Amino acid sequence: MSDISLYWEADEEVEDIKRYTTGGYHPIRLGDVLSSPVSAGSDSPSRQYRVLHKLGRGSFATVWLAETLRASSQHYVAVKICVADAPPQLELDIFDKLPREKTPNVVQLLDSFSLAGPNGIHTVLVHDVLGSVTSIIGSPRGPKHAREICRQIAHGLATLHRHGVVHGGE
């Protein structure tokens, strides 16, 4: 498969600025560093993520491309910051239903923590960056890979359904 770009087109339908209020989105600036607290009794330093680029948003979260800091090797992650009014355990409970071992075609939870901000306490979920489906489809070899991408999505959804997870988003 061809290289996947880490850059996405700007989101023309940006979130409503009025959602950056108490209970809503957490304000982020490119370059911000988010830190996961050190676990009690752990000798390892806190996990830190520098925000590089906005990947997208939904009704309940914004998602950011970030680089890991203080890791044995630098890599990129997707950092999802939920609105403060979202139940903090909602998505974490979903990941608790899934097997702990890596499951093909299902995104893995790499880290999670709470982030206190001016609009409340936000749940933060850290995942591997999966890439932009539109950049793959739009590439010269994209149509050839469309069937494979659809197959992988179908297998991932089947795995989620087997574990009692269904998407009910807006």
N, C-alpha and C. Protein backbone atom coordinates (compact mmCIF):
# COMPACT_ATOMS: atom_id res chain seq x y z
N MET A 1 0.85 -1.18 0.00
CA MET A 1 0.00 0.00 0.00
C MET A 1 0.89 1.24 0.00
N SER A 2 0.44 2.29 -0.60
CA SER A 2 1.24 3.51 -0.71
C SER A 2 1.34 4.23 0.62
N ASP A 3 2.31 5.15 0.69
CA ASP A 3 2.48 5.95 1.90
C ASP A 3 1.24 6.78 2.15
N ILE A 4 0.87 6.91 3.41
CA ILE A 4 -0.29 7.69 3.81
C ILE A 4 0.20 9.04 4.31
N SER A 5 -0.39 10.08 3.83
CA SER A 5 -0.01 11.43 4.24
C SER A 5 -0.50 11.70 5.66
N LEU A 6 0.29 12.45 6.41
CA LEU A 6 -0.13 12.87 7.74
C LEU A 6 -0.86 14.21 7.71
N TYR A 7 -1.13 14.71 6.52
CA TYR A 7 -1.80 16.01 6.38
C TYR A 7 -3.16 15.83 5.74
N TRP A 8 -4.14 16.50 6.31
CA TRP A 8 -5.50 16.43 5.82
C TRP A 8 -5.92 17.82 5.36
N GLU A 9 -6.90 17.86 4.49
CA GLU A 9 -7.46 19.14 4.08
C GLU A 9 -8.17 19.77 5.28
N ALA A 10 -8.28 21.11 5.26
CA ALA A 10 -8.96 21.81 6.34
C ALA A 10 -10.43 21.41 6.37
N ASP A 11 -10.98 21.32 7.55
CA ASP A 11 -12.38 20.97 7.75
C ASP A 11 -13.22 22.21 7.47
N GLU A 12 -13.95 22.20 6.35
CA GLU A 12 -14.74 23.38 6.00
C GLU A 12 -15.90 23.58 6.96
N GLU A 13 -16.41 22.53 7.53
CA GLU A 13 -17.50 22.64 8.48
C GLU A 13 -16.92 22.61 9.89
N VAL A 14 -16.36 23.73 10.31
CA VAL A 14 -15.75 23.79 11.63
C VAL A 14 -16.83 23.81 12.70
N GLU A 15 -16.44 23.42 13.91
CA GLU A 15 -17.39 23.40 15.00
C GLU A 15 -17.83 24.82 15.37
N ASP A 16 -19.01 24.91 15.93
CA ASP A 16 -19.56 26.19 16.34
C ASP A 16 -18.74 26.75 17.50
N ILE A 17 -18.26 27.96 17.37
CA ILE A 17 -17.44 28.61 18.40
C ILE A 17 -18.18 28.66 19.73
N LYS A 18 -19.50 28.67 19.69
CA LYS A 18 -20.30 28.73 20.92
C LYS A 18 -20.20 27.44 21.73
N ARG A 19 -19.66 26.37 21.13
CA ARG A 19 -19.47 25.11 21.85
C ARG A 19 -18.23 25.14 22.74
N TYR A 20 -17.42 26.21 22.60
CA TYR A 20 -16.24 26.38 23.46
C TYR A 20 -16.67 27.17 24.69
N THR A 21 -17.45 26.51 25.53
CA THR A 21 -18.00 27.11 26.73
C THR A 21 -18.07 26.03 27.81
N THR A 22 -18.51 26.39 28.99
CA THR A 22 -18.61 25.42 30.09
C THR A 22 -19.36 24.18 29.63
N GLY A 23 -18.73 23.03 29.82
CA GLY A 23 -19.31 21.75 29.42
C GLY A 23 -19.02 21.37 27.99
N GLY A 24 -18.41 22.26 27.21
CA GLY A 24 -18.18 22.01 25.79
C GLY A 24 -16.76 21.60 25.46
N TYR A 25 -16.31 22.01 24.29
CA TYR A 25 -14.99 21.66 23.78
C TYR A 25 -13.88 22.28 24.62
N HIS A 26 -12.72 21.64 24.60
CA HIS A 26 -11.53 22.18 25.25
C HIS A 26 -10.73 22.98 24.22
N PRO A 27 -10.37 24.23 24.53
CA PRO A 27 -9.59 25.00 23.56
C PRO A 27 -8.16 24.46 23.44
N ILE A 28 -7.70 24.29 22.22
CA ILE A 28 -6.36 23.78 21.93
C ILE A 28 -5.67 24.73 20.97
N ARG A 29 -4.38 24.92 21.19
CA ARG A 29 -3.54 25.66 20.25
C ARG A 29 -2.47 24.70 19.73
N LEU A 30 -2.14 24.82 18.47
CA LEU A 30 -1.08 24.00 17.92
C LEU A 30 0.17 24.23 18.74
N GLY A 31 0.85 23.15 19.10
CA GLY A 31 2.04 23.23 19.94
C GLY A 31 1.75 22.94 21.41
N ASP A 32 0.48 22.95 21.82
CA ASP A 32 0.14 22.61 23.21
C ASP A 32 0.67 21.22 23.52
N VAL A 33 1.12 21.02 24.77
CA VAL A 33 1.58 19.71 25.23
C VAL A 33 0.60 19.20 26.27
N LEU A 34 0.05 18.03 26.01
CA LEU A 34 -0.89 17.38 26.92
C LEU A 34 -0.15 16.27 27.64
N SER A 35 -0.37 16.15 28.95
CA SER A 35 0.35 15.15 29.75
C SER A 35 -0.60 14.20 30.43
N SER A 36 -0.28 12.92 30.32
CA SER A 36 -0.99 11.88 31.04
C SER A 36 -0.29 11.74 32.39
N PRO A 37 -1.02 11.78 33.50
CA PRO A 37 -0.36 11.70 34.81
C PRO A 37 0.39 10.39 35.00
N VAL A 38 1.45 10.46 35.80
CA VAL A 38 2.23 9.27 36.14
C VAL A 38 1.40 8.39 37.07
N SER A 39 1.38 7.09 36.81
CA SER A 39 0.65 6.17 37.67
C SER A 39 1.35 6.07 39.02
N ALA A 40 0.56 5.87 40.07
CA ALA A 40 1.13 5.72 41.42
C ALA A 40 2.10 4.56 41.45
N GLY A 41 3.28 4.79 42.00
CA GLY A 41 4.28 3.74 42.12
C GLY A 41 5.04 3.45 40.84
N SER A 42 4.80 4.24 39.79
CA SER A 42 5.48 4.01 38.52
C SER A 42 6.78 4.81 38.46
N ASP A 43 7.81 4.20 37.90
CA ASP A 43 9.08 4.88 37.72
C ASP A 43 9.16 5.59 36.37
N SER A 44 8.22 5.30 35.48
CA SER A 44 8.28 5.90 34.15
C SER A 44 7.76 7.33 34.19
N PRO A 45 8.33 8.20 33.33
CA PRO A 45 7.87 9.58 33.29
C PRO A 45 6.46 9.66 32.70
N SER A 46 5.83 10.81 32.88
CA SER A 46 4.49 10.97 32.32
C SER A 46 4.56 10.89 30.80
N ARG A 47 3.48 10.44 30.20
CA ARG A 47 3.40 10.41 28.74
C ARG A 47 2.94 11.79 28.29
N GLN A 48 3.63 12.34 27.30
CA GLN A 48 3.30 13.67 26.83
C GLN A 48 3.09 13.65 25.32
N TYR A 49 2.19 14.54 24.87
CA TYR A 49 1.81 14.61 23.47
C TYR A 49 1.78 16.07 23.03
N ARG A 50 2.54 16.41 21.97
CA ARG A 50 2.52 17.77 21.43
C ARG A 50 1.54 17.81 20.26
N VAL A 51 0.57 18.72 20.33
CA VAL A 51 -0.47 18.86 19.30
C VAL A 51 0.13 19.52 18.06
N LEU A 52 -0.07 18.86 16.90
CA LEU A 52 0.50 19.34 15.65
C LEU A 52 -0.53 19.84 14.64
N HIS A 53 -1.70 19.20 14.61
CA HIS A 53 -2.65 19.49 13.53
C HIS A 53 -4.03 18.98 13.93
N LYS A 54 -5.06 19.69 13.52
CA LYS A 54 -6.42 19.23 13.79
C LYS A 54 -6.84 18.23 12.73
N LEU A 55 -7.31 17.06 13.18
CA LEU A 55 -7.76 16.03 12.25
C LEU A 55 -9.25 16.12 11.98
N GLY A 56 -10.02 16.54 12.99
CA GLY A 56 -11.47 16.62 12.78
C GLY A 56 -12.20 16.87 14.07
N ARG A 57 -13.52 16.76 13.97
CA ARG A 57 -14.36 16.97 15.14
C ARG A 57 -15.69 16.26 14.93
N GLY A 58 -16.38 16.07 16.04
CA GLY A 58 -17.70 15.47 16.01
C GLY A 58 -18.56 16.19 17.04
N SER A 59 -19.72 15.65 17.31
CA SER A 59 -20.63 16.28 18.27
C SER A 59 -20.06 16.29 19.67
N PHE A 60 -19.22 15.30 19.97
CA PHE A 60 -18.75 15.14 21.35
C PHE A 60 -17.25 15.25 21.53
N ALA A 61 -16.50 15.60 20.48
CA ALA A 61 -15.05 15.66 20.64
C ALA A 61 -14.38 16.35 19.46
N THR A 62 -13.15 16.78 19.71
CA THR A 62 -12.24 17.19 18.64
C THR A 62 -11.10 16.17 18.63
N VAL A 63 -10.48 15.97 17.45
CA VAL A 63 -9.40 14.99 17.32
C VAL A 63 -8.19 15.70 16.71
N TRP A 64 -7.02 15.44 17.32
CA TRP A 64 -5.80 16.14 16.96
C TRP A 64 -4.68 15.17 16.66
N LEU A 65 -3.86 15.51 15.65
CA LEU A 65 -2.64 14.78 15.39
C LEU A 65 -1.61 15.30 16.39
N ALA A 66 -0.91 14.39 17.05
CA ALA A 66 0.11 14.79 18.03
C ALA A 66 1.32 13.89 17.90
N GLU A 67 2.45 14.39 18.36
CA GLU A 67 3.66 13.56 18.42
C GLU A 67 3.92 13.21 19.87
N THR A 68 4.44 12.02 20.08
CA THR A 68 4.77 11.62 21.45
C THR A 68 6.08 12.29 21.85
N LEU A 69 6.16 12.67 23.10
CA LEU A 69 7.39 13.22 23.67
C LEU A 69 7.84 12.27 24.77
N ARG A 70 9.12 12.24 25.05
CA ARG A 70 9.67 11.39 26.11
C ARG A 70 9.41 9.91 25.89
N ALA A 71 9.20 9.50 24.67
CA ALA A 71 9.01 8.08 24.37
C ALA A 71 10.33 7.53 23.84
N SER A 72 10.47 6.21 23.87
CA SER A 72 11.71 5.60 23.38
C SER A 72 11.93 5.93 21.91
N SER A 73 10.85 6.06 21.16
CA SER A 73 10.95 6.50 19.77
C SER A 73 9.75 7.40 19.48
N GLN A 74 10.01 8.45 18.73
CA GLN A 74 8.94 9.39 18.40
C GLN A 74 7.96 8.73 17.44
N HIS A 75 6.70 8.91 17.69
CA HIS A 75 5.69 8.48 16.74
C HIS A 75 4.47 9.39 16.87
N TYR A 76 3.58 9.27 15.90
CA TYR A 76 2.39 10.12 15.86
C TYR A 76 1.19 9.37 16.42
N VAL A 77 0.31 10.12 17.06
CA VAL A 77 -0.90 9.56 17.63
C VAL A 77 -2.07 10.49 17.32
N ALA A 78 -3.27 9.95 17.44
CA ALA A 78 -4.49 10.75 17.35
C ALA A 78 -4.98 10.95 18.78
N VAL A 79 -5.18 12.21 19.17
CA VAL A 79 -5.63 12.54 20.51
C VAL A 79 -7.07 13.07 20.41
N LYS A 80 -7.98 12.34 21.03
CA LYS A 80 -9.40 12.71 21.02
C LYS A 80 -9.73 13.35 22.35
N ILE A 81 -10.20 14.61 22.31
CA ILE A 81 -10.55 15.33 23.53
C ILE A 81 -12.07 15.50 23.55
N CYS A 82 -12.72 14.78 24.47
CA CYS A 82 -14.18 14.80 24.56
C CYS A 82 -14.67 16.09 25.21
N VAL A 83 -15.91 16.49 24.88
CA VAL A 83 -16.49 17.66 25.54
C VAL A 83 -16.64 17.35 27.02
N ALA A 84 -16.61 18.38 27.83
CA ALA A 84 -16.66 18.19 29.28
C ALA A 84 -17.97 17.56 29.74
N ASP A 85 -19.06 17.83 29.03
CA ASP A 85 -20.36 17.27 29.43
C ASP A 85 -20.53 15.80 29.07
N ALA A 86 -19.63 15.24 28.26
CA ALA A 86 -19.72 13.82 27.88
C ALA A 86 -19.43 12.97 29.11
N PRO A 87 -20.22 11.91 29.33
CA PRO A 87 -19.93 11.03 30.47
C PRO A 87 -18.49 10.51 30.37
N PRO A 88 -17.67 10.71 31.40
CA PRO A 88 -16.25 10.37 31.30
C PRO A 88 -15.96 8.90 31.00
N GLN A 89 -16.81 8.00 31.42
CA GLN A 89 -16.54 6.57 31.21
C GLN A 89 -17.15 6.02 29.93
N LEU A 90 -17.92 6.83 29.23
CA LEU A 90 -18.68 6.34 28.08
C LEU A 90 -17.80 5.56 27.09
N GLU A 91 -16.79 6.19 26.54
CA GLU A 91 -15.94 5.51 25.56
C GLU A 91 -15.00 4.52 26.22
N LEU A 92 -14.55 4.80 27.43
CA LEU A 92 -13.67 3.86 28.12
C LEU A 92 -14.38 2.53 28.37
N ASP A 93 -15.68 2.59 28.67
CA ASP A 93 -16.46 1.37 28.86
C ASP A 93 -16.51 0.53 27.58
N ILE A 94 -16.54 1.21 26.43
CA ILE A 94 -16.54 0.49 25.15
C ILE A 94 -15.23 -0.28 24.99
N PHE A 95 -14.11 0.36 25.28
CA PHE A 95 -12.83 -0.32 25.14
C PHE A 95 -12.68 -1.45 26.15
N ASP A 96 -13.36 -1.35 27.29
CA ASP A 96 -13.32 -2.44 28.28
C ASP A 96 -14.02 -3.69 27.75
N LYS A 97 -14.95 -3.54 26.80
CA LYS A 97 -15.65 -4.69 26.22
C LYS A 97 -14.80 -5.45 25.22
N LEU A 98 -13.76 -4.79 24.71
CA LEU A 98 -12.94 -5.39 23.65
C LEU A 98 -11.79 -6.20 24.25
N PRO A 99 -11.30 -7.18 23.50
CA PRO A 99 -10.16 -7.97 23.99
C PRO A 99 -8.95 -7.07 24.19
N ARG A 100 -8.11 -7.40 25.16
CA ARG A 100 -6.90 -6.61 25.45
C ARG A 100 -5.85 -6.74 24.36
N GLU A 101 -5.80 -7.92 23.72
CA GLU A 101 -4.80 -8.10 22.67
C GLU A 101 -5.22 -7.30 21.44
N LYS A 102 -4.23 -6.99 20.61
CA LYS A 102 -4.48 -6.21 19.40
C LYS A 102 -5.47 -6.94 18.51
N THR A 103 -6.51 -6.25 18.11
CA THR A 103 -7.55 -6.82 17.27
C THR A 103 -7.45 -6.19 15.88
N PRO A 104 -7.30 -7.01 14.84
CA PRO A 104 -7.18 -6.44 13.49
C PRO A 104 -8.40 -5.58 13.14
N ASN A 105 -8.13 -4.46 12.49
CA ASN A 105 -9.16 -3.57 11.96
C ASN A 105 -10.00 -2.86 13.02
N VAL A 106 -9.54 -2.85 14.26
CA VAL A 106 -10.20 -2.11 15.34
C VAL A 106 -9.14 -1.25 16.02
N VAL A 107 -9.42 0.04 16.12
CA VAL A 107 -8.46 0.96 16.73
C VAL A 107 -8.24 0.59 18.19
N GLN A 108 -6.98 0.71 18.63
CA GLN A 108 -6.61 0.36 20.00
C GLN A 108 -6.49 1.63 20.85
N LEU A 109 -6.86 1.54 22.10
CA LEU A 109 -6.68 2.64 23.04
C LEU A 109 -5.27 2.55 23.61
N LEU A 110 -4.45 3.56 23.32
CA LEU A 110 -3.06 3.56 23.79
C LEU A 110 -2.91 4.20 25.16
N ASP A 111 -3.76 5.18 25.44
CA ASP A 111 -3.66 5.94 26.70
C ASP A 111 -4.98 6.66 26.90
N SER A 112 -5.28 6.98 28.13
CA SER A 112 -6.45 7.81 28.44
C SER A 112 -6.16 8.54 29.74
N PHE A 113 -6.69 9.74 29.84
CA PHE A 113 -6.53 10.54 31.05
C PHE A 113 -7.54 11.67 31.04
N SER A 114 -7.61 12.38 32.14
CA SER A 114 -8.50 13.54 32.26
C SER A 114 -7.69 14.81 32.10
N LEU A 115 -8.33 15.80 31.51
CA LEU A 115 -7.69 17.09 31.26
C LEU A 115 -8.59 18.18 31.83
N ALA A 116 -8.07 18.92 32.80
CA ALA A 116 -8.82 20.04 33.39
C ALA A 116 -8.58 21.27 32.54
N GLY A 117 -9.65 21.94 32.17
CA GLY A 117 -9.53 23.14 31.35
C GLY A 117 -10.56 24.18 31.76
N PRO A 118 -10.61 25.27 31.05
CA PRO A 118 -11.54 26.35 31.41
C PRO A 118 -13.01 25.98 31.24
N ASN A 119 -13.29 24.92 30.46
CA ASN A 119 -14.67 24.52 30.22
C ASN A 119 -15.08 23.27 30.98
N GLY A 120 -14.19 22.78 31.84
CA GLY A 120 -14.51 21.61 32.65
C GLY A 120 -13.43 20.55 32.55
N ILE A 121 -13.79 19.34 32.99
CA ILE A 121 -12.89 18.19 32.95
C ILE A 121 -13.23 17.37 31.70
N HIS A 122 -12.22 17.10 30.89
CA HIS A 122 -12.40 16.42 29.60
C HIS A 122 -11.71 15.06 29.63
N THR A 123 -12.36 14.05 29.09
CA THR A 123 -11.73 12.75 28.89
C THR A 123 -10.88 12.83 27.63
N VAL A 124 -9.65 12.34 27.71
CA VAL A 124 -8.74 12.34 26.57
C VAL A 124 -8.40 10.89 26.23
N LEU A 125 -8.56 10.53 24.97
CA LEU A 125 -8.27 9.18 24.49
C LEU A 125 -7.17 9.28 23.44
N VAL A 126 -6.17 8.41 23.53
CA VAL A 126 -5.05 8.43 22.60
C VAL A 126 -5.05 7.13 21.80
N HIS A 127 -4.98 7.27 20.47
CA HIS A 127 -5.02 6.13 19.55
C HIS A 127 -3.89 6.27 18.54
N ASP A 128 -3.60 5.16 17.83
CA ASP A 128 -2.71 5.25 16.68
C ASP A 128 -3.39 6.09 15.61
N VAL A 129 -2.59 6.77 14.79
CA VAL A 129 -3.13 7.50 13.65
C VAL A 129 -3.38 6.49 12.55
N LEU A 130 -4.59 6.49 12.04
CA LEU A 130 -4.96 5.51 11.03
C LEU A 130 -4.78 6.01 9.61
N GLY A 131 -4.75 7.29 9.41
CA GLY A 131 -4.64 7.84 8.06
C GLY A 131 -5.98 8.37 7.59
N SER A 132 -5.94 9.04 6.49
CA SER A 132 -7.13 9.65 5.90
C SER A 132 -7.63 8.77 4.77
N VAL A 133 -8.83 8.23 4.91
CA VAL A 133 -9.41 7.38 3.88
C VAL A 133 -9.55 8.16 2.58
N THR A 134 -9.93 9.43 2.67
CA THR A 134 -10.10 10.22 1.44
C THR A 134 -8.78 10.41 0.71
N SER A 135 -7.65 10.50 1.43
CA SER A 135 -6.37 10.64 0.73
C SER A 135 -5.98 9.34 0.05
N ILE A 136 -6.38 8.21 0.60
CA ILE A 136 -6.09 6.92 -0.04
C ILE A 136 -6.95 6.75 -1.28
N ILE A 137 -8.24 7.01 -1.16
CA ILE A 137 -9.17 6.84 -2.28
C ILE A 137 -8.81 7.82 -3.40
N GLY A 138 -8.39 9.03 -3.03
CA GLY A 138 -8.06 10.05 -4.02
C GLY A 138 -6.70 9.87 -4.67
N SER A 139 -5.88 8.93 -4.19
CA SER A 139 -4.55 8.71 -4.76
C SER A 139 -4.68 7.95 -6.08
N PRO A 140 -3.63 7.98 -6.90
CA PRO A 140 -3.70 7.28 -8.20
C PRO A 140 -4.05 5.80 -8.08
N ARG A 141 -3.57 5.12 -7.05
CA ARG A 141 -3.88 3.70 -6.88
C ARG A 141 -5.08 3.48 -5.97
N GLY A 142 -5.73 4.55 -5.56
CA GLY A 142 -6.83 4.48 -4.60
C GLY A 142 -7.99 3.58 -4.98
N PRO A 143 -8.53 3.74 -6.20
CA PRO A 143 -9.67 2.88 -6.56
C PRO A 143 -9.36 1.39 -6.45
N LYS A 144 -8.10 1.03 -6.71
CA LYS A 144 -7.69 -0.37 -6.60
C LYS A 144 -7.78 -0.85 -5.15
N HIS A 145 -7.54 0.07 -4.22
CA HIS A 145 -7.54 -0.30 -2.80
C HIS A 145 -8.90 -0.14 -2.14
N ALA A 146 -9.87 0.44 -2.82
CA ALA A 146 -11.18 0.71 -2.22
C ALA A 146 -11.85 -0.56 -1.70
N ARG A 147 -11.79 -1.63 -2.48
CA ARG A 147 -12.42 -2.89 -2.06
C ARG A 147 -11.76 -3.42 -0.78
N GLU A 148 -10.42 -3.35 -0.71
CA GLU A 148 -9.70 -3.83 0.47
C GLU A 148 -10.04 -2.99 1.69
N ILE A 149 -10.13 -1.68 1.51
CA ILE A 149 -10.48 -0.80 2.63
C ILE A 149 -11.88 -1.13 3.14
N CYS A 150 -12.83 -1.31 2.22
CA CYS A 150 -14.20 -1.66 2.62
C CYS A 150 -14.23 -3.01 3.35
N ARG A 151 -13.43 -3.96 2.89
CA ARG A 151 -13.37 -5.27 3.56
C ARG A 151 -12.86 -5.12 4.98
N GLN A 152 -11.80 -4.32 5.17
CA GLN A 152 -11.24 -4.11 6.50
C GLN A 152 -12.24 -3.42 7.43
N ILE A 153 -12.96 -2.45 6.89
CA ILE A 153 -13.99 -1.77 7.70
C ILE A 153 -15.07 -2.75 8.11
N ALA A 154 -15.52 -3.58 7.18
CA ALA A 154 -16.57 -4.57 7.49
C ALA A 154 -16.09 -5.55 8.55
N HIS A 155 -14.85 -6.01 8.46
CA HIS A 155 -14.31 -6.93 9.46
C HIS A 155 -14.22 -6.24 10.84
N GLY A 156 -13.78 -5.00 10.85
CA GLY A 156 -13.71 -4.26 12.11
C GLY A 156 -15.08 -4.09 12.74
N LEU A 157 -16.09 -3.72 11.94
CA LEU A 157 -17.45 -3.58 12.47
C LEU A 157 -17.99 -4.91 12.98
N ALA A 158 -17.70 -5.99 12.27
CA ALA A 158 -18.16 -7.31 12.72
C ALA A 158 -17.54 -7.66 14.07
N THR A 159 -16.25 -7.34 14.25
CA THR A 159 -15.59 -7.59 15.53
C THR A 159 -16.25 -6.78 16.63
N LEU A 160 -16.50 -5.51 16.38
CA LEU A 160 -17.17 -4.68 17.39
C LEU A 160 -18.54 -5.24 17.74
N HIS A 161 -19.32 -5.63 16.74
CA HIS A 161 -20.67 -6.17 17.00
C HIS A 161 -20.61 -7.46 17.81
N ARG A 162 -19.60 -8.31 17.53
CA ARG A 162 -19.44 -9.55 18.30
C ARG A 162 -19.21 -9.27 19.79
N HIS A 163 -18.64 -8.12 20.09
CA HIS A 163 -18.36 -7.76 21.48
C HIS A 163 -19.40 -6.79 22.05
N GLY A 164 -20.54 -6.65 21.35
CA GLY A 164 -21.64 -5.85 21.87
C GLY A 164 -21.49 -4.35 21.68
N VAL A 165 -20.67 -3.93 20.74
CA VAL A 165 -20.46 -2.50 20.49
C VAL A 165 -21.10 -2.13 19.17
N VAL A 166 -21.97 -1.11 19.19
CA VAL A 166 -22.57 -0.56 17.97
C VAL A 166 -22.44 0.96 18.03
N HIS A 167 -22.35 1.60 16.87
CA HIS A 167 -22.22 3.05 16.82
C HIS A 167 -23.60 3.66 16.70
N GLY A 168 -23.88 4.60 17.56
CA GLY A 168 -25.19 5.27 17.54
C GLY A 168 -25.04 6.77 17.44
N GLY A 169 -24.01 7.23 16.76
CA GLY A 169 -23.73 8.66 16.67
C GLY A 169 -24.74 9.41 15.85
N GLU A 170 -24.59 10.73 15.90
CA GLU A 170 -25.51 11.61 15.18
C GLU A 170 -25.05 11.83 13.77
